[in-house]
Amino acid sequence: MRKVKIYLHKLSILSVYTTILVIASLTFASCSTHHAVRLRNKNIKESSAFQWKEIKTSRDSEDEKWTIYSRNIKGTNFSEYKIEGEIKASSKACIAAFKQDIHTQAADLKNIREETTKKT
């Protein structure tokens, strides 16, 4: 009879440990799933920040139909530009016009004065 009681006691302890293990594994599985969903959402938001954005388009004309896109380069403060379309001009003329547009925009930024406050 004593052996039966010991055997039943060992079975009850085993069932308790099994129940605890199942509950713990479900809890940790839930946490890791939640973590994976958060990482996925973070990656979607982060990748959307580096998607191409339309900056400028041409006026409707038969000679030129183009669009300029820009996006940030991941991990830097630099921007990348892409021009798509058809222009009846040489590559050098297009690049020169684009560079002039960038220089004009940069000059406009230099003319903006930022207010500074002095602490006394």
PDB file of N, CA and C in Angstrom:
ATOM      1  N   MET A   1       0.822  -1.185   0.000  1.00  0.00           N
ATOM      2  CA  MET A   1       0.000   0.000   0.000  1.00  0.00           C
ATOM      3  C   MET A   1       0.869   1.253   0.000  1.00  0.00           C
ATOM      4  N   ARG A   2       1.988   1.169   0.727  1.00  0.00           N
ATOM      5  CA  ARG A   2       2.872   2.322   0.805  1.00  0.00           C
ATOM      6  C   ARG A   2       3.440   2.670  -0.568  1.00  0.00           C
ATOM      7  N   LYS A   3       3.766   1.664  -1.370  1.00  0.00           N
ATOM      8  CA  LYS A   3       4.309   1.899  -2.697  1.00  0.00           C
ATOM      9  C   LYS A   3       3.284   2.594  -3.602  1.00  0.00           C
ATOM     10  N   VAL A   4       2.025   2.260  -3.419  1.00  0.00           N
ATOM     11  CA  VAL A   4       0.963   2.882  -4.220  1.00  0.00           C
ATOM     12  C   VAL A   4       0.838   4.348  -3.859  1.00  0.00           C
ATOM     13  N   LYS A   5       0.926   4.682  -2.574  1.00  0.00           N
ATOM     14  CA  LYS A   5       0.831   6.075  -2.141  1.00  0.00           C
ATOM     15  C   LYS A   5       2.016   6.885  -2.665  1.00  0.00           C
ATOM     16  N   ILE A   6       3.189   6.312  -2.615  1.00  0.00           N
ATOM     17  CA  ILE A   6       4.384   6.996  -3.131  1.00  0.00           C
ATOM     18  C   ILE A   6       4.246   7.207  -4.635  1.00  0.00           C
ATOM     19  N   TYR A   7       3.758   6.179  -5.310  1.00  0.00           N
ATOM     20  CA  TYR A   7       3.573   6.274  -6.756  1.00  0.00           C
ATOM     21  C   TYR A   7       2.558   7.362  -7.097  1.00  0.00           C
ATOM     22  N   LEU A   8       1.433   7.420  -6.372  1.00  0.00           N
ATOM     23  CA  LEU A   8       0.420   8.450  -6.604  1.00  0.00           C
ATOM     24  C   LEU A   8       0.971   9.836  -6.273  1.00  0.00           C
ATOM     25  N   HIS A   9       1.768   9.918  -5.231  1.00  0.00           N
ATOM     26  CA  HIS A   9       2.380  11.200  -4.859  1.00  0.00           C
ATOM     27  C   HIS A   9       3.315  11.692  -5.970  1.00  0.00           C
ATOM     28  N   LYS A  10       4.116  10.775  -6.520  1.00  0.00           N
ATOM     29  CA  LYS A  10       5.018  11.145  -7.606  1.00  0.00           C
ATOM     30  C   LYS A  10       4.239  11.561  -8.845  1.00  0.00           C
ATOM     31  N   LEU A  11       3.132  10.905  -9.129  1.00  0.00           N
ATOM     32  CA  LEU A  11       2.298  11.283 -10.269  1.00  0.00           C
ATOM     33  C   LEU A  11       1.677  12.664 -10.067  1.00  0.00           C
ATOM     34  N   SER A  12       1.220  12.958  -8.868  1.00  0.00           N
ATOM     35  CA  SER A  12       0.623  14.260  -8.610  1.00  0.00           C
ATOM     36  C   SER A  12       1.669  15.367  -8.728  1.00  0.00           C
ATOM     37  N   ILE A  13       2.876  15.112  -8.241  1.00  0.00           N
ATOM     38  CA  ILE A  13       3.956  16.107  -8.371  1.00  0.00           C
ATOM     39  C   ILE A  13       4.301  16.299  -9.847  1.00  0.00           C
ATOM     40  N   LEU A  14       4.355  15.209 -10.598  1.00  0.00           N
ATOM     41  CA  LEU A  14       4.643  15.286 -12.028  1.00  0.00           C
ATOM     42  C   LEU A  14       3.563  16.075 -12.761  1.00  0.00           C
ATOM     43  N   SER A  15       2.312  15.859 -12.403  1.00  0.00           N
ATOM     44  CA  SER A  15       1.225  16.590 -13.054  1.00  0.00           C
ATOM     45  C   SER A  15       1.281  18.080 -12.706  1.00  0.00           C
ATOM     46  N   VAL A  16       1.653  18.399 -11.467  1.00  0.00           N
ATOM     47  CA  VAL A  16       1.801  19.808 -11.080  1.00  0.00           C
ATOM     48  C   VAL A  16       2.914  20.464 -11.882  1.00  0.00           C
ATOM     49  N   TYR A  17       4.068  19.812 -11.977  1.00  0.00           N
ATOM     50  CA  TYR A  17       5.188  20.363 -12.750  1.00  0.00           C
ATOM     51  C   TYR A  17       4.840  20.496 -14.228  1.00  0.00           C
ATOM     52  N   THR A  18       4.111  19.525 -14.753  1.00  0.00           N
ATOM     53  CA  THR A  18       3.697  19.579 -16.163  1.00  0.00           C
ATOM     54  C   THR A  18       2.757  20.757 -16.393  1.00  0.00           C
ATOM     55  N   THR A  19       1.816  20.954 -15.474  1.00  0.00           N
ATOM     56  CA  THR A  19       0.888  22.080 -15.587  1.00  0.00           C
ATOM     57  C   THR A  19       1.638  23.401 -15.535  1.00  0.00           C
ATOM     58  N   ILE A  20       2.584  23.530 -14.622  1.00  0.00           N
ATOM     59  CA  ILE A  20       3.380  24.760 -14.512  1.00  0.00           C
ATOM     60  C   ILE A  20       4.186  24.984 -15.789  1.00  0.00           C
ATOM     61  N   LEU A  21       4.764  23.922 -16.320  1.00  0.00           N
ATOM     62  CA  LEU A  21       5.546  24.028 -17.550  1.00  0.00           C
ATOM     63  C   LEU A  21       4.677  24.464 -18.727  1.00  0.00           C
ATOM     64  N   VAL A  22       3.484  23.924 -18.846  1.00  0.00           N
ATOM     65  CA  VAL A  22       2.571  24.290 -19.938  1.00  0.00           C
ATOM     66  C   VAL A  22       2.174  25.758 -19.818  1.00  0.00           C
ATOM     67  N   ILE A  23       1.823  26.188 -18.616  1.00  0.00           N
ATOM     68  CA  ILE A  23       1.433  27.589 -18.407  1.00  0.00           C
ATOM     69  C   ILE A  23       2.598  28.526 -18.725  1.00  0.00           C
ATOM     70  N   ALA A  24       3.791  28.153 -18.265  1.00  0.00           N
ATOM     71  CA  ALA A  24       4.970  28.985 -18.533  1.00  0.00           C
ATOM     72  C   ALA A  24       5.280  29.049 -20.023  1.00  0.00           C
ATOM     73  N   SER A  25       5.198  27.929 -20.716  1.00  0.00           N
ATOM     74  CA  SER A  25       5.498  27.934 -22.146  1.00  0.00           C
ATOM     75  C   SER A  25       4.476  28.754 -22.924  1.00  0.00           C
ATOM     76  N   LEU A  26       3.199  28.680 -22.552  1.00  0.00           N
ATOM     77  CA  LEU A  26       2.180  29.506 -23.210  1.00  0.00           C
ATOM     78  C   LEU A  26       2.433  30.994 -22.958  1.00  0.00           C
ATOM     79  N   THR A  27       2.841  31.326 -21.745  1.00  0.00           N
ATOM     80  CA  THR A  27       3.124  32.724 -21.418  1.00  0.00           C
ATOM     81  C   THR A  27       4.297  33.242 -22.238  1.00  0.00           C
ATOM     82  N   PHE A  28       5.378  32.459 -22.281  1.00  0.00           N
ATOM     83  CA  PHE A  28       6.548  32.908 -23.031  1.00  0.00           C
ATOM     84  C   PHE A  28       6.275  32.941 -24.528  1.00  0.00           C
ATOM     85  N   ALA A  29       5.488  32.024 -25.035  1.00  0.00           N
ATOM     86  CA  ALA A  29       5.131  32.021 -26.452  1.00  0.00           C
ATOM     87  C   ALA A  29       4.325  33.273 -26.786  1.00  0.00           C
ATOM     88  N   SER A  30       3.439  33.645 -25.898  1.00  0.00           N
ATOM     89  CA  SER A  30       2.637  34.846 -26.103  1.00  0.00           C
ATOM     90  C   SER A  30       3.519  36.086 -26.105  1.00  0.00           C
ATOM     91  N   CYS A  31       4.484  36.148 -25.195  1.00  0.00           N
ATOM     92  CA  CYS A  31       5.391  37.292 -25.131  1.00  0.00           C
ATOM     93  C   CYS A  31       6.237  37.397 -26.392  1.00  0.00           C
ATOM     94  N   SER A  32       6.740  36.264 -26.868  1.00  0.00           N
ATOM     95  CA  SER A  32       7.588  36.310 -28.061  1.00  0.00           C
ATOM     96  C   SER A  32       6.770  36.664 -29.292  1.00  0.00           C
ATOM     97  N   THR A  33       5.522  36.224 -29.355  1.00  0.00           N
ATOM     98  CA  THR A  33       4.659  36.601 -30.472  1.00  0.00           C
ATOM     99  C   THR A  33       4.383  38.092 -30.438  1.00  0.00           C
ATOM    100  N   HIS A  34       4.090  38.616 -29.264  1.00  0.00           N
ATOM    101  CA  HIS A  34       3.854  40.054 -29.130  1.00  0.00           C
ATOM    102  C   HIS A  34       5.101  40.833 -29.529  1.00  0.00           C
ATOM    103  N   HIS A  35       6.265  40.355 -29.134  1.00  0.00           N
ATOM    104  CA  HIS A  35       7.525  41.010 -29.486  1.00  0.00           C
ATOM    105  C   HIS A  35       7.736  40.989 -31.003  1.00  0.00           C
ATOM    106  N   ALA A  36       7.432  39.876 -31.644  1.00  0.00           N
ATOM    107  CA  ALA A  36       7.589  39.764 -33.095  1.00  0.00           C
ATOM    108  C   ALA A  36       6.645  40.723 -33.818  1.00  0.00           C
ATOM    109  N   VAL A  37       5.426  40.866 -33.322  1.00  0.00           N
ATOM    110  CA  VAL A  37       4.471  41.791 -33.935  1.00  0.00           C
ATOM    111  C   VAL A  37       4.954  43.227 -33.780  1.00  0.00           C
ATOM    112  N   ARG A  38       5.477  43.574 -32.606  1.00  0.00           N
ATOM    113  CA  ARG A  38       6.002  44.933 -32.403  1.00  0.00           C
ATOM    114  C   ARG A  38       7.172  45.202 -33.333  1.00  0.00           C
ATOM    115  N   LEU A  39       8.072  44.241 -33.483  1.00  0.00           N
ATOM    116  CA  LEU A  39       9.212  44.417 -34.389  1.00  0.00           C
ATOM    117  C   LEU A  39       8.755  44.579 -35.826  1.00  0.00           C
ATOM    118  N   ARG A  40       7.760  43.796 -36.234  1.00  0.00           N
ATOM    119  CA  ARG A  40       7.245  43.916 -37.596  1.00  0.00           C
ATOM    120  C   ARG A  40       6.650  45.300 -37.823  1.00  0.00           C
ATOM    121  N   ASN A  41       5.859  45.784 -36.887  1.00  0.00           N
ATOM    122  CA  ASN A  41       5.260  47.112 -37.028  1.00  0.00           C
ATOM    123  C   ASN A  41       6.328  48.193 -37.048  1.00  0.00           C
ATOM    124  N   LYS A  42       7.357  48.039 -36.234  1.00  0.00           N
ATOM    125  CA  LYS A  42       8.450  49.004 -36.219  1.00  0.00           C
ATOM    126  C   LYS A  42       9.175  49.011 -37.567  1.00  0.00           C
ATOM    127  N   ASN A  43       9.410  47.828 -38.132  1.00  0.00           N
ATOM    128  CA  ASN A  43      10.089  47.743 -39.415  1.00  0.00           C
ATOM    129  C   ASN A  43       9.253  48.338 -40.535  1.00  0.00           C
ATOM    130  N   ILE A  44       7.934  48.174 -40.474  1.00  0.00           N
ATOM    131  CA  ILE A  44       7.060  48.763 -41.489  1.00  0.00           C
ATOM    132  C   ILE A  44       7.128  50.278 -41.404  1.00  0.00           C
ATOM    133  N   LYS A  45       7.051  50.831 -40.187  1.00  0.00           N
ATOM    134  CA  LYS A  45       7.132  52.287 -40.025  1.00  0.00           C
ATOM    135  C   LYS A  45       8.493  52.798 -40.462  1.00  0.00           C
ATOM    136  N   GLU A  46       9.536  52.061 -40.095  1.00  0.00           N
ATOM    137  CA  GLU A  46      10.885  52.496 -40.443  1.00  0.00           C
ATOM    138  C   GLU A  46      11.099  52.439 -41.946  1.00  0.00           C
ATOM    139  N   SER A  47      10.635  51.388 -42.592  1.00  0.00           N
ATOM    140  CA  SER A  47      10.840  51.275 -44.033  1.00  0.00           C
ATOM    141  C   SER A  47      10.021  52.306 -44.789  1.00  0.00           C
ATOM    142  N   SER A  48       8.849  52.680 -44.261  1.00  0.00           N
ATOM    143  CA  SER A  48       8.053  53.706 -44.943  1.00  0.00           C
ATOM    144  C   SER A  48       8.745  55.062 -44.885  1.00  0.00           C
ATOM    145  N   ALA A  49       9.604  55.272 -43.883  1.00  0.00           N
ATOM    146  CA  ALA A  49      10.344  56.525 -43.806  1.00  0.00           C
ATOM    147  C   ALA A  49      11.407  56.602 -44.894  1.00  0.00           C
ATOM    148  N   PHE A  50      11.799  55.461 -45.458  1.00  0.00           N
ATOM    149  CA  PHE A  50      12.836  55.431 -46.482  1.00  0.00           C
ATOM    150  C   PHE A  50      12.279  55.107 -47.862  1.00  0.00           C
ATOM    151  N   GLN A  51      10.977  55.290 -48.041  1.00  0.00           N
ATOM    152  CA  GLN A  51      10.359  55.060 -49.337  1.00  0.00           C
ATOM    153  C   GLN A  51      10.514  56.303 -50.209  1.00  0.00           C
ATOM    154  N   TRP A  52      10.425  56.113 -51.516  1.00  0.00           N
ATOM    155  CA  TRP A  52      10.522  57.239 -52.444  1.00  0.00           C
ATOM    156  C   TRP A  52       9.308  58.143 -52.281  1.00  0.00           C
ATOM    157  N   LYS A  53       9.556  59.459 -52.210  1.00  0.00           N
ATOM    158  CA  LYS A  53       8.487  60.450 -52.112  1.00  0.00           C
ATOM    159  C   LYS A  53       8.595  61.386 -53.310  1.00  0.00           C
ATOM    160  N   GLU A  54       7.465  61.669 -53.900  1.00  0.00           N
ATOM    161  CA  GLU A  54       7.444  62.546 -55.064  1.00  0.00           C
ATOM    162  C   GLU A  54       7.691  63.987 -54.624  1.00  0.00           C
ATOM    163  N   ILE A  55       8.681  64.635 -55.258  1.00  0.00           N
ATOM    164  CA  ILE A  55       9.026  66.005 -54.900  1.00  0.00           C
ATOM    165  C   ILE A  55       8.481  67.007 -55.908  1.00  0.00           C
ATOM    166  N   LYS A  56       8.725  66.707 -57.180  1.00  0.00           N
ATOM    167  CA  LYS A  56       8.390  67.676 -58.202  1.00  0.00           C
ATOM    168  C   LYS A  56       8.007  66.942 -59.476  1.00  0.00           C
ATOM    169  N   THR A  57       7.009  67.471 -60.188  1.00  0.00           N
ATOM    170  CA  THR A  57       6.626  66.903 -61.476  1.00  0.00           C
ATOM    171  C   THR A  57       6.626  68.011 -62.513  1.00  0.00           C
ATOM    172  N   SER A  58       6.752  67.599 -63.751  1.00  0.00           N
ATOM    173  CA  SER A  58       6.762  68.587 -64.838  1.00  0.00           C
ATOM    174  C   SER A  58       5.351  69.056 -65.122  1.00  0.00           C
ATOM    175  N   ARG A  59       5.293  70.192 -65.772  1.00  0.00           N
ATOM    176  CA  ARG A  59       3.989  70.656 -66.246  1.00  0.00           C
ATOM    177  C   ARG A  59       3.603  69.776 -67.423  1.00  0.00           C
ATOM    178  N   ASP A  60       2.336  69.668 -67.682  1.00  0.00           N
ATOM    179  CA  ASP A  60       1.901  68.838 -68.808  1.00  0.00           C
ATOM    180  C   ASP A  60       2.380  69.453 -70.113  1.00  0.00           C
ATOM    181  N   SER A  61       3.288  68.742 -70.736  1.00  0.00           N
ATOM    182  CA  SER A  61       3.879  69.212 -71.978  1.00  0.00           C
ATOM    183  C   SER A  61       4.235  68.001 -72.822  1.00  0.00           C
ATOM    184  N   GLU A  62       4.237  68.179 -74.143  1.00  0.00           N
ATOM    185  CA  GLU A  62       4.599  67.071 -75.026  1.00  0.00           C
ATOM    186  C   GLU A  62       6.097  66.813 -75.005  1.00  0.00           C
ATOM    187  N   ASP A  63       6.901  67.866 -74.766  1.00  0.00           N
ATOM    188  CA  ASP A  63       8.353  67.730 -74.814  1.00  0.00           C
ATOM    189  C   ASP A  63       8.934  67.083 -73.566  1.00  0.00           C
ATOM    190  N   GLU A  64       8.291  67.271 -72.455  1.00  0.00           N
ATOM    191  CA  GLU A  64       8.861  66.735 -71.218  1.00  0.00           C
ATOM    192  C   GLU A  64       7.772  66.263 -70.264  1.00  0.00           C
ATOM    193  N   LYS A  65       7.984  65.065 -69.770  1.00  0.00           N
ATOM    194  CA  LYS A  65       7.117  64.491 -68.735  1.00  0.00           C
ATOM    195  C   LYS A  65       8.050  63.775 -67.776  1.00  0.00           C
ATOM    196  N   TRP A  66       8.290  64.352 -66.630  1.00  0.00           N
ATOM    197  CA  TRP A  66       9.226  63.785 -65.676  1.00  0.00           C
ATOM    198  C   TRP A  66       8.721  63.978 -64.258  1.00  0.00           C
ATOM    199  N   THR A  67       9.304  63.200 -63.360  1.00  0.00           N
ATOM    200  CA  THR A  67       8.987  63.288 -61.944  1.00  0.00           C
ATOM    201  C   THR A  67      10.282  63.093 -61.165  1.00  0.00           C
ATOM    202  N   ILE A  68      10.472  63.897 -60.137  1.00  0.00           N
ATOM    203  CA  ILE A  68      11.646  63.786 -59.272  1.00  0.00           C
ATOM    204  C   ILE A  68      11.189  63.192 -57.942  1.00  0.00           C
ATOM    205  N   TYR A  69      11.904  62.162 -57.507  1.00  0.00           N
ATOM    206  CA  TYR A  69      11.614  61.498 -56.243  1.00  0.00           C
ATOM    207  C   TYR A  69      12.808  61.657 -55.311  1.00  0.00           C
ATOM    208  N   SER A  70      12.543  61.586 -54.019  1.00  0.00           N
ATOM    209  CA  SER A  70      13.604  61.686 -53.019  1.00  0.00           C
ATOM    210  C   SER A  70      13.309  60.715 -51.887  1.00  0.00           C
ATOM    211  N   ARG A  71      14.389  60.283 -51.236  1.00  0.00           N
ATOM    212  CA  ARG A  71      14.244  59.475 -50.020  1.00  0.00           C
ATOM    213  C   ARG A  71      15.510  59.632 -49.195  1.00  0.00           C
ATOM    214  N   ASN A  72      15.383  59.381 -47.900  1.00  0.00           N
ATOM    215  CA  ASN A  72      16.534  59.440 -47.008  1.00  0.00           C
ATOM    216  C   ASN A  72      17.317  58.140 -47.107  1.00  0.00           C
ATOM    217  N   ILE A  73      18.634  58.255 -47.006  1.00  0.00           N
ATOM    218  CA  ILE A  73      19.486  57.073 -46.987  1.00  0.00           C
ATOM    219  C   ILE A  73      19.563  56.610 -45.544  1.00  0.00           C
ATOM    220  N   LYS A  74      19.244  55.356 -45.330  1.00  0.00           N
ATOM    221  CA  LYS A  74      19.148  54.808 -43.975  1.00  0.00           C
ATOM    222  C   LYS A  74      20.481  54.940 -43.237  1.00  0.00           C
ATOM    223  N   GLY A  75      20.411  55.449 -42.017  1.00  0.00           N
ATOM    224  CA  GLY A  75      21.589  55.558 -41.168  1.00  0.00           C
ATOM    225  C   GLY A  75      22.420  56.803 -41.416  1.00  0.00           C
ATOM    226  N   THR A  76      21.967  57.686 -42.305  1.00  0.00           N
ATOM    227  CA  THR A  76      22.716  58.919 -42.585  1.00  0.00           C
ATOM    228  C   THR A  76      21.757  60.096 -42.619  1.00  0.00           C
ATOM    229  N   ASN A  77      22.333  61.289 -42.789  1.00  0.00           N
ATOM    230  CA  ASN A  77      21.521  62.494 -42.955  1.00  0.00           C
ATOM    231  C   ASN A  77      21.436  62.895 -44.428  1.00  0.00           C
ATOM    232  N   PHE A  78      21.791  61.997 -45.325  1.00  0.00           N
ATOM    233  CA  PHE A  78      21.817  62.294 -46.750  1.00  0.00           C
ATOM    234  C   PHE A  78      20.519  61.864 -47.417  1.00  0.00           C
ATOM    235  N   SER A  79      20.231  62.526 -48.535  1.00  0.00           N
ATOM    236  CA  SER A  79      19.060  62.178 -49.324  1.00  0.00           C
ATOM    237  C   SER A  79      19.505  61.619 -50.667  1.00  0.00           C
ATOM    238  N   GLU A  80      18.670  60.777 -51.232  1.00  0.00           N
ATOM    239  CA  GLU A  80      18.922  60.186 -52.539  1.00  0.00           C
ATOM    240  C   GLU A  80      17.815  60.673 -53.466  1.00  0.00           C
ATOM    241  N   TYR A  81      18.164  60.991 -54.702  1.00  0.00           N
ATOM    242  CA  TYR A  81      17.192  61.502 -55.663  1.00  0.00           C
ATOM    243  C   TYR A  81      17.098  60.565 -56.855  1.00  0.00           C
ATOM    244  N   LYS A  82      15.913  60.524 -57.438  1.00  0.00           N
ATOM    245  CA  LYS A  82      15.683  59.705 -58.622  1.00  0.00           C
ATOM    246  C   LYS A  82      14.797  60.517 -59.561  1.00  0.00           C
ATOM    247  N   ILE A  83      15.172  60.538 -60.824  1.00  0.00           N
ATOM    248  CA  ILE A  83      14.380  61.248 -61.832  1.00  0.00           C
ATOM    249  C   ILE A  83      13.874  60.223 -62.834  1.00  0.00           C
ATOM    250  N   GLU A  84      12.574  60.232 -63.049  1.00  0.00           N
ATOM    251  CA  GLU A  84      11.967  59.340 -64.028  1.00  0.00           C
ATOM    252  C   GLU A  84      11.180  60.174 -65.021  1.00  0.00           C
ATOM    253  N   GLY A  85      11.260  59.810 -66.269  1.00  0.00           N
ATOM    254  CA  GLY A  85      10.456  60.481 -67.271  1.00  0.00           C
ATOM    255  C   GLY A  85      11.170  60.621 -68.594  1.00  0.00           C
ATOM    256  N   GLU A  86      10.574  61.405 -69.453  1.00  0.00           N
ATOM    257  CA  GLU A  86      11.122  61.645 -70.784  1.00  0.00           C
ATOM    258  C   GLU A  86      11.355  63.139 -70.960  1.00  0.00           C
ATOM    259  N   ILE A  87      12.575  63.461 -71.379  1.00  0.00           N
ATOM    260  CA  ILE A  87      12.940  64.854 -71.618  1.00  0.00           C
ATOM    261  C   ILE A  87      13.709  64.897 -72.931  1.00  0.00           C
ATOM    262  N   LYS A  88      13.356  65.838 -73.784  1.00  0.00           N
ATOM    263  CA  LYS A  88      14.068  65.984 -75.051  1.00  0.00           C
ATOM    264  C   LYS A  88      15.232  66.949 -74.839  1.00  0.00           C
ATOM    265  N   ALA A  89      16.268  66.449 -74.184  1.00  0.00           N
ATOM    266  CA  ALA A  89      17.473  67.228 -73.908  1.00  0.00           C
ATOM    267  C   ALA A  89      18.604  66.252 -73.627  1.00  0.00           C
ATOM    268  N   SER A  90      19.830  66.770 -73.622  1.00  0.00           N
ATOM    269  CA  SER A  90      20.973  65.908 -73.344  1.00  0.00           C
ATOM    270  C   SER A  90      21.045  65.616 -71.839  1.00  0.00           C
ATOM    271  N   SER A  91      21.756  64.555 -71.498  1.00  0.00           N
ATOM    272  CA  SER A  91      21.913  64.186 -70.091  1.00  0.00           C
ATOM    273  C   SER A  91      22.628  65.288 -69.319  1.00  0.00           C
ATOM    274  N   LYS A  92      23.644  65.897 -69.940  1.00  0.00           N
ATOM    275  CA  LYS A  92      24.401  66.957 -69.266  1.00  0.00           C
ATOM    276  C   LYS A  92      23.511  68.148 -68.944  1.00  0.00           C
ATOM    277  N   ALA A  93      22.638  68.511 -69.861  1.00  0.00           N
ATOM    278  CA  ALA A  93      21.744  69.652 -69.629  1.00  0.00           C
ATOM    279  C   ALA A  93      20.765  69.348 -68.496  1.00  0.00           C
ATOM    280  N   CYS A  94      20.268  68.120 -68.450  1.00  0.00           N
ATOM    281  CA  CYS A  94      19.322  67.737 -67.389  1.00  0.00           C
ATOM    282  C   CYS A  94      20.000  67.758 -66.025  1.00  0.00           C
ATOM    283  N   ILE A  95      21.194  67.188 -65.953  1.00  0.00           N
ATOM    284  CA  ILE A  95      21.917  67.149 -64.682  1.00  0.00           C
ATOM    285  C   ILE A  95      22.296  68.558 -64.240  1.00  0.00           C
ATOM    286  N   ALA A  96      22.709  69.406 -65.177  1.00  0.00           N
ATOM    287  CA  ALA A  96      23.064  70.791 -64.825  1.00  0.00           C
ATOM    288  C   ALA A  96      21.847  71.526 -64.267  1.00  0.00           C
ATOM    289  N   ALA A  97      20.687  71.347 -64.877  1.00  0.00           N
ATOM    290  CA  ALA A  97      19.468  72.003 -64.385  1.00  0.00           C
ATOM    291  C   ALA A  97      19.094  71.471 -63.003  1.00  0.00           C
ATOM    292  N   PHE A  98      19.244  70.183 -62.808  1.00  0.00           N
ATOM    293  CA  PHE A  98      18.924  69.585 -61.516  1.00  0.00           C
ATOM    294  C   PHE A  98      19.883  70.086 -60.431  1.00  0.00           C
ATOM    295  N   LYS A  99      21.182  70.153 -60.755  1.00  0.00           N
ATOM    296  CA  LYS A  99      22.160  70.672 -59.792  1.00  0.00           C
ATOM    297  C   LYS A  99      21.858  72.119 -59.445  1.00  0.00           C
ATOM    298  N   GLN A 100      21.492  72.912 -60.444  1.00  0.00           N
ATOM    299  CA  GLN A 100      21.173  74.319 -60.185  1.00  0.00           C
ATOM    300  C   GLN A 100      19.962  74.425 -59.255  1.00  0.00           C
ATOM    301  N   ASP A 101      18.978  73.562 -59.452  1.00  0.00           N
ATOM    302  CA  ASP A 101      17.801  73.560 -58.585  1.00  0.00           C
ATOM    303  C   ASP A 101      18.184  73.222 -57.146  1.00  0.00           C
ATOM    304  N   ILE A 102      19.084  72.247 -56.962  1.00  0.00           N
ATOM    305  CA  ILE A 102      19.547  71.876 -55.619  1.00  0.00           C
ATOM    306  C   ILE A 102      20.319  73.028 -54.978  1.00  0.00           C
ATOM    307  N   HIS A 103      21.191  73.680 -55.749  1.00  0.00           N
ATOM    308  CA  HIS A 103      21.953  74.817 -55.214  1.00  0.00           C
ATOM    309  C   HIS A 103      21.028  75.971 -54.831  1.00  0.00           C
ATOM    310  N   THR A 104      20.003  76.201 -55.623  1.00  0.00           N
ATOM    311  CA  THR A 104      19.033  77.266 -55.306  1.00  0.00           C
ATOM    312  C   THR A 104      18.305  76.947 -54.005  1.00  0.00           C
ATOM    313  N   GLN A 105      17.897  75.705 -53.840  1.00  0.00           N
ATOM    314  CA  GLN A 105      17.220  75.314 -52.595  1.00  0.00           C
ATOM    315  C   GLN A 105      18.158  75.438 -51.400  1.00  0.00           C
ATOM    316  N   ALA A 106      19.428  75.063 -51.577  1.00  0.00           N
ATOM    317  CA  ALA A 106      20.403  75.171 -50.486  1.00  0.00           C
ATOM    318  C   ALA A 106      20.654  76.627 -50.125  1.00  0.00           C
ATOM    319  N   ALA A 107      20.704  77.509 -51.127  1.00  0.00           N
ATOM    320  CA  ALA A 107      20.911  78.938 -50.864  1.00  0.00           C
ATOM    321  C   ALA A 107      19.724  79.511 -50.096  1.00  0.00           C
ATOM    322  N   ASP A 108      18.533  79.055 -50.425  1.00  0.00           N
ATOM    323  CA  ASP A 108      17.355  79.518 -49.689  1.00  0.00           C
ATOM    324  C   ASP A 108      17.422  79.100 -48.224  1.00  0.00           C
ATOM    325  N   LEU A 109      17.952  77.918 -47.960  1.00  0.00           N
ATOM    326  CA  LEU A 109      18.076  77.452 -46.578  1.00  0.00           C
ATOM    327  C   LEU A 109      19.120  78.257 -45.811  1.00  0.00           C
ATOM    328  N   LYS A 110      20.178  78.713 -46.489  1.00  0.00           N
ATOM    329  CA  LYS A 110      21.211  79.513 -45.830  1.00  0.00           C
ATOM    330  C   LYS A 110      20.673  80.884 -45.425  1.00  0.00           C
ATOM    331  N   ASN A 111      19.709  81.393 -46.182  1.00  0.00           N
ATOM    332  CA  ASN A 111      19.162  82.723 -45.897  1.00  0.00           C
ATOM    333  C   ASN A 111      18.172  82.717 -44.739  1.00  0.00           C
ATOM    334  N   ILE A 112      17.747  81.560 -44.330  1.00  0.00           N
ATOM    335  CA  ILE A 112      16.816  81.469 -43.190  1.00  0.00           C
ATOM    336  C   ILE A 112      17.610  81.662 -41.911  1.00  0.00           C
ATOM    337  N   ARG A 113      17.183  82.608 -41.138  1.00  0.00           N
ATOM    338  CA  ARG A 113      17.859  82.852 -39.856  1.00  0.00           C
ATOM    339  C   ARG A 113      17.087  82.199 -38.744  1.00  0.00           C
ATOM    340  N   GLU A 114      17.815  81.553 -37.909  1.00  0.00           N
ATOM    341  CA  GLU A 114      17.196  80.918 -36.753  1.00  0.00           C
ATOM    342  C   GLU A 114      17.278  81.869 -35.562  1.00  0.00           C
ATOM    343  N   GLU A 115      16.201  81.930 -34.816  1.00  0.00           N
ATOM    344  CA  GLU A 115      16.202  82.789 -33.641  1.00  0.00           C
ATOM    345  C   GLU A 115      16.992  82.111 -32.540  1.00  0.00           C
ATOM    346  N   THR A 116      17.807  82.886 -31.893  1.00  0.00           N
ATOM    347  CA  THR A 116      18.550  82.369 -30.757  1.00  0.00           C
ATOM    348  C   THR A 116      18.168  83.173 -29.524  1.00  0.00           C
ATOM    349  N   THR A 117      18.136  82.520 -28.435  1.00  0.00           N
ATOM    350  CA  THR A 117      17.793  83.201 -27.193  1.00  0.00           C
ATOM    351  C   THR A 117      19.000  83.101 -26.268  1.00  0.00           C
ATOM    352  N   LYS A 118      19.253  84.182 -25.584  1.00  0.00           N
ATOM    353  CA  LYS A 118      20.355  84.190 -24.629  1.00  0.00           C
ATOM    354  C   LYS A 118      19.811  84.003 -23.222  1.00  0.00           C
ATOM    355  N   LYS A 119      20.463  83.154 -22.501  1.00  0.00           N
ATOM    356  CA  LYS A 119      20.074  82.965 -21.099  1.00  0.00           C
ATOM    357  C   LYS A 119      20.963  83.866 -20.248  1.00  0.00           C
ATOM    358  N   THR A 120      20.347  84.583 -19.383  1.00  0.00           N
ATOM    359  CA  THR A 120      21.135  85.486 -18.522  1.00  0.00           C
ATOM    360  C   THR A 120      21.205  84.971 -17.125  1.00  0.00           C
TER     361      THR A 120
END
